[in-house]
Amino acid sequence: MSNAGPTGLPSATGPLPVRVVGIVRGRDIDAEATVALDDAALVLSWPQAAAWRLGLTGIEGVAVGARTLTAYLRDHDVLELTGDETLRPLALALIGRACQLPELTRGLRGFGAVGTAAPLHDAHDRWFAPLLEARRAVHGVSDPTRHVALMDGVALADLMRQRIAQIAARQVPGDAAEQRALEAAIEDEASPVFAALARLALAGDVVRHGSEETRLADWRRWVDAAQRVFAEADEGWRAVEELLGAGGGSR
């Protein structure tokens, strides 16, 4: 593995010489090593011992300094790596790889299916629009705090309520009373979605305000909450589609 990129500068993924100080499984560590980053692990290679592969999913937090990388592991284990200024890009690349957002719409049935009536197509697109816009916004972003800001549970709940009001207005135009009744009925069907969005907001607060020591673990719990929002929206759409088809269509 080369230590230089195509320009001759050190690669952001190593290997880089470091001093490693910390504790792992009750064992004190203070040794020279080289560190490298691959797709799934931080790899520490020792002069006279087998390399350690620290899986990215087992790293609960990362603190990045000008010449240091501190990896917080499970069970309160911690390793501080000290090198030169080339260590910082590797640490940032580690966070980026550990925080790759999974595909949130995979496995959703209602997302890609809609009835043939034009009003249902319009309602379908409005229902999913806030979530799809948030998903597009976070595409290519690897900073966990930016993920939380771009897919904010409180903001998404407000947008969902706006879209529900639009759906009701387009389904029963010209009748304010029926619009309000339909809007209330749709919101009732959407209650699990709003509950999931509330949990997403709480998980986001933990990512934003929590410790660096657990930020990656907190982010993974936030991802679980985001996946639940998409799943509940998918289930909710099928209920709304049935509601609209049973008498909530445009007149």
C-alpha atoms as a PDB file:
ATOM      1  CA  MET A   1       0.000   0.000   0.000  1.00  0.00           C
ATOM      2  CA  SER A   2       1.521   3.302  -1.041  1.00  0.00           C
ATOM      3  CA  ASN A   3       1.747   6.274   1.287  1.00  0.00           C
ATOM      4  CA  ALA A   4       1.405   8.753  -1.580  1.00  0.00           C
ATOM      5  CA  GLY A   5      -1.463   9.724  -3.788  1.00  0.00           C
ATOM      6  CA  PRO A   6      -1.275  10.426  -7.539  1.00  0.00           C
ATOM      7  CA  THR A   7       0.171  13.921  -6.884  1.00  0.00           C
ATOM      8  CA  GLY A   8       2.933  12.560  -4.654  1.00  0.00           C
ATOM      9  CA  LEU A   9       1.243  13.952  -1.519  1.00  0.00           C
ATOM     10  CA  PRO A  10       0.325  11.643   1.361  1.00  0.00           C
ATOM     11  CA  SER A  11      -2.944   9.805   0.798  1.00  0.00           C
ATOM     12  CA  ALA A  12      -5.922  10.640   3.024  1.00  0.00           C
ATOM     13  CA  THR A  13      -6.295   6.915   3.688  1.00  0.00           C
ATOM     14  CA  GLY A  14      -2.682   6.196   4.682  1.00  0.00           C
ATOM     15  CA  PRO A  15      -0.689   4.325   5.716  1.00  0.00           C
ATOM     16  CA  LEU A  16       0.744   6.940   8.045  1.00  0.00           C
ATOM     17  CA  PRO A  17       3.234   6.561  10.917  1.00  0.00           C
ATOM     18  CA  VAL A  18       1.641   7.222  14.314  1.00  0.00           C
ATOM     19  CA  ARG A  19       2.165   6.714  18.013  1.00  0.00           C
ATOM     20  CA  VAL A  20      -0.735   4.870  19.596  1.00  0.00           C
ATOM     21  CA  VAL A  21      -1.599   5.391  23.273  1.00  0.00           C
ATOM     22  CA  GLY A  22      -4.688   4.056  24.987  1.00  0.00           C
ATOM     23  CA  ILE A  23      -6.445   1.071  26.424  1.00  0.00           C
ATOM     24  CA  VAL A  24      -8.129  -1.881  24.694  1.00  0.00           C
ATOM     25  CA  ARG A  25      -9.784  -4.704  26.629  1.00  0.00           C
ATOM     26  CA  GLY A  26      -7.970  -3.701  29.786  1.00  0.00           C
ATOM     27  CA  ARG A  27      -4.595  -3.666  28.070  1.00  0.00           C
ATOM     28  CA  ASP A  28      -2.523  -0.469  28.054  1.00  0.00           C
ATOM     29  CA  ILE A  29      -1.107   0.466  24.668  1.00  0.00           C
ATOM     30  CA  ASP A  30       1.851   2.756  23.986  1.00  0.00           C
ATOM     31  CA  ALA A  31       3.547   1.837  20.741  1.00  0.00           C
ATOM     32  CA  GLU A  32       4.599   2.946  17.277  1.00  0.00           C
ATOM     33  CA  ALA A  33       2.445   1.790  14.368  1.00  0.00           C
ATOM     34  CA  THR A  34       1.147   2.761  10.975  1.00  0.00           C
ATOM     35  CA  VAL A  35      -2.511   3.575  10.399  1.00  0.00           C
ATOM     36  CA  ALA A  36      -4.549   3.170   7.244  1.00  0.00           C
ATOM     37  CA  LEU A  37      -8.206   3.376   6.344  1.00  0.00           C
ATOM     38  CA  ASP A  38     -10.062   0.974   4.096  1.00  0.00           C
ATOM     39  CA  ASP A  39     -13.739   0.728   3.203  1.00  0.00           C
ATOM     40  CA  ALA A  40     -14.764  -0.973   6.434  1.00  0.00           C
ATOM     41  CA  ALA A  41     -12.020  -0.542   9.036  1.00  0.00           C
ATOM     42  CA  LEU A  42      -9.275   1.525  10.565  1.00  0.00           C
ATOM     43  CA  VAL A  43      -6.175  -0.647  10.271  1.00  0.00           C
ATOM     44  CA  LEU A  44      -3.305  -0.414  12.746  1.00  0.00           C
ATOM     45  CA  SER A  45      -0.155  -2.252  11.693  1.00  0.00           C
ATOM     46  CA  TRP A  46       2.480  -3.022  14.299  1.00  0.00           C
ATOM     47  CA  PRO A  47       6.189  -3.691  13.625  1.00  0.00           C
ATOM     48  CA  GLN A  48       6.219  -7.098  15.312  1.00  0.00           C
ATOM     49  CA  ALA A  49       2.562  -8.125  15.678  1.00  0.00           C
ATOM     50  CA  ALA A  50      -0.483  -8.842  13.564  1.00  0.00           C
ATOM     51  CA  ALA A  51      -2.403  -5.822  12.344  1.00  0.00           C
ATOM     52  CA  TRP A  52      -5.566  -4.715  14.119  1.00  0.00           C
ATOM     53  CA  ARG A  53      -8.691  -4.047  12.086  1.00  0.00           C
ATOM     54  CA  LEU A  54     -11.029  -1.734  13.954  1.00  0.00           C
ATOM     55  CA  GLY A  55     -14.348  -2.065  12.143  1.00  0.00           C
ATOM     56  CA  LEU A  56     -15.982   1.296  11.458  1.00  0.00           C
ATOM     57  CA  THR A  57     -19.256   0.106  12.978  1.00  0.00           C
ATOM     58  CA  GLY A  58     -17.429  -0.571  16.236  1.00  0.00           C
ATOM     59  CA  ILE A  59     -16.056   2.969  16.512  1.00  0.00           C
ATOM     60  CA  GLU A  60     -18.502   4.976  18.608  1.00  0.00           C
ATOM     61  CA  GLY A  61     -16.863   8.375  18.313  1.00  0.00           C
ATOM     62  CA  VAL A  62     -13.929  10.229  16.797  1.00  0.00           C
ATOM     63  CA  ALA A  63     -12.162  13.377  17.981  1.00  0.00           C
ATOM     64  CA  VAL A  64     -10.050  15.135  15.357  1.00  0.00           C
ATOM     65  CA  GLY A  65      -7.108  17.365  16.197  1.00  0.00           C
ATOM     66  CA  ALA A  66      -4.468  19.049  14.077  1.00  0.00           C
ATOM     67  CA  ARG A  67      -2.139  16.051  14.478  1.00  0.00           C
ATOM     68  CA  THR A  68      -4.259  13.624  16.506  1.00  0.00           C
ATOM     69  CA  LEU A  69      -7.067  11.146  15.967  1.00  0.00           C
ATOM     70  CA  THR A  70      -8.827   9.780  19.033  1.00  0.00           C
ATOM     71  CA  ALA A  71     -11.009   6.729  18.398  1.00  0.00           C
ATOM     72  CA  TYR A  72     -13.596   5.893  21.058  1.00  0.00           C
ATOM     73  CA  LEU A  73     -14.456   2.210  20.909  1.00  0.00           C
ATOM     74  CA  ARG A  74     -17.061   0.020  22.573  1.00  0.00           C
ATOM     75  CA  ASP A  75     -16.785  -0.883  26.243  1.00  0.00           C
ATOM     76  CA  HIS A  76     -15.028   2.439  27.017  1.00  0.00           C
ATOM     77  CA  ASP A  77     -11.876   1.500  25.126  1.00  0.00           C
ATOM     78  CA  VAL A  78     -10.034   4.445  23.588  1.00  0.00           C
ATOM     79  CA  LEU A  79      -7.004   4.937  21.347  1.00  0.00           C
ATOM     80  CA  GLU A  80      -5.233   8.230  20.702  1.00  0.00           C
ATOM     81  CA  LEU A  81      -3.139   8.333  17.555  1.00  0.00           C
ATOM     82  CA  THR A  82      -0.540  11.083  17.200  1.00  0.00           C
ATOM     83  CA  GLY A  83       1.236  11.838  13.941  1.00  0.00           C
ATOM     84  CA  ASP A  84       1.783  14.876  11.759  1.00  0.00           C
ATOM     85  CA  GLU A  85      -0.596  17.137   9.834  1.00  0.00           C
ATOM     86  CA  THR A  86      -1.399  14.334   7.366  1.00  0.00           C
ATOM     87  CA  LEU A  87      -3.340  12.511  10.088  1.00  0.00           C
ATOM     88  CA  ARG A  88      -6.197  15.033  10.071  1.00  0.00           C
ATOM     89  CA  PRO A  89      -7.350  14.223   6.494  1.00  0.00           C
ATOM     90  CA  LEU A  90      -7.370  10.530   7.398  1.00  0.00           C
ATOM     91  CA  ALA A  91      -9.485  11.256  10.494  1.00  0.00           C
ATOM     92  CA  LEU A  92     -11.976  13.263   8.422  1.00  0.00           C
ATOM     93  CA  ALA A  93     -12.077  10.487   5.811  1.00  0.00           C
ATOM     94  CA  LEU A  94     -12.798   8.023   8.642  1.00  0.00           C
ATOM     95  CA  ILE A  95     -15.833  10.060   9.727  1.00  0.00           C
ATOM     96  CA  GLY A  96     -16.986  10.324   6.122  1.00  0.00           C
ATOM     97  CA  ARG A  97     -16.831   6.582   5.547  1.00  0.00           C
ATOM     98  CA  ALA A  98     -18.423   5.747   8.887  1.00  0.00           C
ATOM     99  CA  CYS A  99     -21.304   8.151   8.184  1.00  0.00           C
ATOM    100  CA  GLN A 100     -22.431   7.070   4.737  1.00  0.00           C
ATOM    101  CA  LEU A 101     -26.210   7.307   4.782  1.00  0.00           C
ATOM    102  CA  PRO A 102     -27.917   4.108   3.556  1.00  0.00           C
ATOM    103  CA  GLU A 103     -30.664   4.127   0.928  1.00  0.00           C
ATOM    104  CA  LEU A 104     -33.779   5.096   2.845  1.00  0.00           C
ATOM    105  CA  THR A 105     -36.403   4.156   0.246  1.00  0.00           C
ATOM    106  CA  ARG A 106     -35.259   0.574  -0.359  1.00  0.00           C
ATOM    107  CA  GLY A 107     -38.045  -1.905   0.312  1.00  0.00           C
ATOM    108  CA  LEU A 108     -40.834   0.671   0.379  1.00  0.00           C
ATOM    109  CA  ARG A 109     -43.944  -0.559  -1.443  1.00  0.00           C
ATOM    110  CA  GLY A 110     -46.191   2.476  -1.455  1.00  0.00           C
ATOM    111  CA  PHE A 111     -43.393   4.818  -2.520  1.00  0.00           C
ATOM    112  CA  GLY A 112     -43.320   3.508  -6.092  1.00  0.00           C
ATOM    113  CA  ALA A 113     -46.959   2.471  -6.426  1.00  0.00           C
ATOM    114  CA  VAL A 114     -49.988   4.697  -6.848  1.00  0.00           C
ATOM    115  CA  GLY A 115     -53.493   4.344  -8.178  1.00  0.00           C
ATOM    116  CA  THR A 116     -54.328   5.318 -11.736  1.00  0.00           C
ATOM    117  CA  ALA A 117     -56.533   8.312 -10.912  1.00  0.00           C
ATOM    118  CA  ALA A 118     -54.798  11.657 -11.448  1.00  0.00           C
ATOM    119  CA  PRO A 119     -55.769  13.063  -8.013  1.00  0.00           C
ATOM    120  CA  LEU A 120     -54.076  10.095  -6.370  1.00  0.00           C
ATOM    121  CA  HIS A 121     -50.901  10.701  -8.365  1.00  0.00           C
ATOM    122  CA  ASP A 122     -50.868  14.290  -7.160  1.00  0.00           C
ATOM    123  CA  ALA A 123     -51.564  13.270  -3.565  1.00  0.00           C
ATOM    124  CA  HIS A 124     -48.887  10.578  -3.713  1.00  0.00           C
ATOM    125  CA  ASP A 125     -46.254  13.055  -4.915  1.00  0.00           C
ATOM    126  CA  ARG A 126     -47.197  15.637  -2.306  1.00  0.00           C
ATOM    127  CA  TRP A 127     -47.187  13.058   0.495  1.00  0.00           C
ATOM    128  CA  PHE A 128     -43.652  11.844  -0.197  1.00  0.00           C
ATOM    129  CA  ALA A 129     -42.177  15.175  -1.373  1.00  0.00           C
ATOM    130  CA  PRO A 130     -40.809  16.409   2.009  1.00  0.00           C
ATOM    131  CA  LEU A 131     -38.957  13.151   2.636  1.00  0.00           C
ATOM    132  CA  LEU A 132     -37.605  12.921  -0.899  1.00  0.00           C
ATOM    133  CA  GLU A 133     -36.418  16.522  -0.802  1.00  0.00           C
ATOM    134  CA  ALA A 134     -34.605  15.823   2.476  1.00  0.00           C
ATOM    135  CA  ARG A 135     -33.066  12.670   1.033  1.00  0.00           C
ATOM    136  CA  ARG A 136     -31.768  14.607  -1.976  1.00  0.00           C
ATOM    137  CA  ALA A 137     -30.369  17.303   0.318  1.00  0.00           C
ATOM    138  CA  VAL A 138     -28.246  14.822   2.290  1.00  0.00           C
ATOM    139  CA  HIS A 139     -26.983  12.973  -0.797  1.00  0.00           C
ATOM    140  CA  GLY A 140     -23.184  13.045  -0.811  1.00  0.00           C
ATOM    141  CA  VAL A 141     -22.986  14.622   2.671  1.00  0.00           C
ATOM    142  CA  SER A 142     -20.851  12.744   5.208  1.00  0.00           C
ATOM    143  CA  ASP A 143     -20.965  15.064   8.241  1.00  0.00           C
ATOM    144  CA  PRO A 144     -23.387  13.586  10.808  1.00  0.00           C
ATOM    145  CA  THR A 145     -24.424  16.995  12.159  1.00  0.00           C
ATOM    146  CA  ARG A 146     -25.221  18.167   8.614  1.00  0.00           C
ATOM    147  CA  HIS A 147     -27.357  15.066   8.098  1.00  0.00           C
ATOM    148  CA  VAL A 148     -29.363  15.983  11.170  1.00  0.00           C
ATOM    149  CA  ALA A 149     -29.739  19.600  10.068  1.00  0.00           C
ATOM    150  CA  LEU A 150     -30.826  18.686   6.530  1.00  0.00           C
ATOM    151  CA  MET A 151     -33.280  15.994   7.665  1.00  0.00           C
ATOM    152  CA  ASP A 152     -34.686  17.720  10.721  1.00  0.00           C
ATOM    153  CA  GLY A 153     -37.652  15.977  12.313  1.00  0.00           C
ATOM    154  CA  VAL A 154     -39.438  19.148  13.412  1.00  0.00           C
ATOM    155  CA  ALA A 155     -39.100  20.829  10.011  1.00  0.00           C
ATOM    156  CA  LEU A 156     -40.259  17.670   8.229  1.00  0.00           C
ATOM    157  CA  ALA A 157     -43.328  17.427  10.471  1.00  0.00           C
ATOM    158  CA  ASP A 158     -44.262  21.012   9.551  1.00  0.00           C
ATOM    159  CA  LEU A 159     -43.797  20.253   5.852  1.00  0.00           C
ATOM    160  CA  MET A 160     -45.894  17.089   6.115  1.00  0.00           C
ATOM    161  CA  ARG A 161     -48.743  19.066   7.678  1.00  0.00           C
ATOM    162  CA  GLN A 162     -48.529  21.610   4.886  1.00  0.00           C
ATOM    163  CA  ARG A 163     -48.643  18.874   2.248  1.00  0.00           C
ATOM    164  CA  ILE A 164     -51.604  17.190   3.960  1.00  0.00           C
ATOM    165  CA  ALA A 165     -53.476  20.501   3.855  1.00  0.00           C
ATOM    166  CA  GLN A 166     -52.647  20.810   0.141  1.00  0.00           C
ATOM    167  CA  ILE A 167     -53.856  17.282  -0.541  1.00  0.00           C
ATOM    168  CA  ALA A 168     -57.161  17.999   1.197  1.00  0.00           C
ATOM    169  CA  ALA A 169     -57.590  21.297  -0.660  1.00  0.00           C
ATOM    170  CA  ARG A 170     -57.019  19.663  -4.042  1.00  0.00           C
ATOM    171  CA  GLN A 171     -59.220  16.668  -3.272  1.00  0.00           C
ATOM    172  CA  VAL A 172     -62.286  18.710  -2.255  1.00  0.00           C
ATOM    173  CA  PRO A 173     -61.836  22.182  -3.770  1.00  0.00           C
ATOM    174  CA  GLY A 174     -64.313  24.899  -2.901  1.00  0.00           C
ATOM    175  CA  ASP A 175     -65.629  23.315   0.296  1.00  0.00           C
ATOM    176  CA  ALA A 176     -63.678  24.529   3.328  1.00  0.00           C
ATOM    177  CA  ALA A 177     -65.594  22.370   5.800  1.00  0.00           C
ATOM    178  CA  GLU A 178     -64.969  19.166   3.843  1.00  0.00           C
ATOM    179  CA  GLN A 179     -61.345  20.154   3.373  1.00  0.00           C
ATOM    180  CA  ARG A 180     -60.886  20.476   7.129  1.00  0.00           C
ATOM    181  CA  ALA A 181     -62.612  17.152   7.706  1.00  0.00           C
ATOM    182  CA  LEU A 182     -60.455  15.396   5.123  1.00  0.00           C
ATOM    183  CA  GLU A 183     -57.305  17.044   6.451  1.00  0.00           C
ATOM    184  CA  ALA A 184     -58.149  15.810   9.955  1.00  0.00           C
ATOM    185  CA  ALA A 185     -58.802  12.299   8.642  1.00  0.00           C
ATOM    186  CA  ILE A 186     -55.473  12.230   6.790  1.00  0.00           C
ATOM    187  CA  GLU A 187     -53.603  13.539   9.832  1.00  0.00           C
ATOM    188  CA  ASP A 188     -55.187  10.783  11.880  1.00  0.00           C
ATOM    189  CA  GLU A 189     -53.847   8.184   9.442  1.00  0.00           C
ATOM    190  CA  ALA A 190     -50.479   9.964   9.566  1.00  0.00           C
ATOM    191  CA  SER A 191     -50.158   9.857  13.359  1.00  0.00           C
ATOM    192  CA  PRO A 192     -47.483   7.082  13.250  1.00  0.00           C
ATOM    193  CA  VAL A 193     -45.497   9.217  10.799  1.00  0.00           C
ATOM    194  CA  PHE A 194     -45.591  12.201  13.133  1.00  0.00           C
ATOM    195  CA  ALA A 195     -44.599   9.987  16.056  1.00  0.00           C
ATOM    196  CA  ALA A 196     -41.629   8.711  14.043  1.00  0.00           C
ATOM    197  CA  LEU A 197     -40.674  12.286  13.120  1.00  0.00           C
ATOM    198  CA  ALA A 198     -40.760  13.252  16.803  1.00  0.00           C
ATOM    199  CA  ARG A 199     -38.357  10.399  17.563  1.00  0.00           C
ATOM    200  CA  LEU A 200     -36.150  11.534  14.669  1.00  0.00           C
ATOM    201  CA  ALA A 201     -36.039  15.042  16.143  1.00  0.00           C
ATOM    202  CA  LEU A 202     -35.017  13.678  19.554  1.00  0.00           C
ATOM    203  CA  ALA A 203     -32.320  11.471  17.998  1.00  0.00           C
ATOM    204  CA  GLY A 204     -31.067  14.483  16.060  1.00  0.00           C
ATOM    205  CA  ASP A 205     -30.766  16.528  19.242  1.00  0.00           C
ATOM    206  CA  VAL A 206     -28.570  13.803  20.718  1.00  0.00           C
ATOM    207  CA  VAL A 207     -26.268  13.919  17.671  1.00  0.00           C
ATOM    208  CA  ARG A 208     -26.101  17.714  17.753  1.00  0.00           C
ATOM    209  CA  HIS A 209     -25.542  18.161  21.468  1.00  0.00           C
ATOM    210  CA  GLY A 210     -23.959  14.878  22.517  1.00  0.00           C
ATOM    211  CA  SER A 211     -20.326  14.057  23.123  1.00  0.00           C
ATOM    212  CA  GLU A 212     -17.764  13.390  20.402  1.00  0.00           C
ATOM    213  CA  GLU A 213     -17.095  10.142  22.239  1.00  0.00           C
ATOM    214  CA  THR A 214     -20.469   8.715  21.153  1.00  0.00           C
ATOM    215  CA  ARG A 215     -21.320  10.801  18.081  1.00  0.00           C
ATOM    216  CA  LEU A 216     -20.994   7.974  15.556  1.00  0.00           C
ATOM    217  CA  ALA A 217     -23.067   5.636  17.730  1.00  0.00           C
ATOM    218  CA  ASP A 218     -25.645   8.411  18.222  1.00  0.00           C
ATOM    219  CA  TRP A 219     -25.691   9.013  14.466  1.00  0.00           C
ATOM    220  CA  ARG A 220     -26.387   5.326  13.812  1.00  0.00           C
ATOM    221  CA  ARG A 221     -29.387   5.521  16.140  1.00  0.00           C
ATOM    222  CA  TRP A 222     -30.501   8.625  14.238  1.00  0.00           C
ATOM    223  CA  VAL A 223     -30.242   6.659  10.982  1.00  0.00           C
ATOM    224  CA  ASP A 224     -32.472   3.961  12.490  1.00  0.00           C
ATOM    225  CA  ALA A 225     -34.991   6.695  13.360  1.00  0.00           C
ATOM    226  CA  ALA A 226     -34.811   8.106   9.818  1.00  0.00           C
ATOM    227  CA  GLN A 227     -35.436   4.667   8.319  1.00  0.00           C
ATOM    228  CA  ARG A 228     -38.472   4.300  10.597  1.00  0.00           C
ATOM    229  CA  VAL A 229     -39.838   7.636   9.330  1.00  0.00           C
ATOM    230  CA  PHE A 230     -39.652   6.444   5.725  1.00  0.00           C
ATOM    231  CA  ALA A 231     -41.229   3.101   6.633  1.00  0.00           C
ATOM    232  CA  GLU A 232     -44.089   4.776   8.514  1.00  0.00           C
ATOM    233  CA  ALA A 233     -44.655   7.213   5.642  1.00  0.00           C
ATOM    234  CA  ASP A 234     -44.877   4.255   3.287  1.00  0.00           C
ATOM    235  CA  GLU A 235     -47.428   2.508   5.509  1.00  0.00           C
ATOM    236  CA  GLY A 236     -49.270   5.776   6.002  1.00  0.00           C
ATOM    237  CA  TRP A 237     -49.581   6.415   2.293  1.00  0.00           C
ATOM    238  CA  ARG A 238     -51.379   3.109   1.745  1.00  0.00           C
ATOM    239  CA  ALA A 239     -53.909   4.113   4.412  1.00  0.00           C
ATOM    240  CA  VAL A 240     -54.311   7.590   2.895  1.00  0.00           C
ATOM    241  CA  GLU A 241     -54.666   6.157  -0.600  1.00  0.00           C
ATOM    242  CA  GLU A 242     -57.474   3.914   0.635  1.00  0.00           C
ATOM    243  CA  LEU A 243     -59.091   6.871   2.400  1.00  0.00           C
ATOM    244  CA  LEU A 244     -58.985   9.050  -0.718  1.00  0.00           C
ATOM    245  CA  GLY A 245     -60.210   6.243  -2.948  1.00  0.00           C
ATOM    246  CA  ALA A 246     -63.102   5.538  -0.590  1.00  0.00           C
ATOM    247  CA  GLY A 247     -64.620   8.979  -0.862  1.00  0.00           C
ATOM    248  CA  GLY A 248     -61.967  11.601  -0.464  1.00  0.00           C
ATOM    249  CA  GLY A 249     -61.446  12.079  -4.192  1.00  0.00           C
ATOM    250  CA  SER A 250     -61.886  15.358  -6.027  1.00  0.00           C
ATOM    251  CA  ARG A 251     -65.338  16.453  -7.013  1.00  0.00           C
END
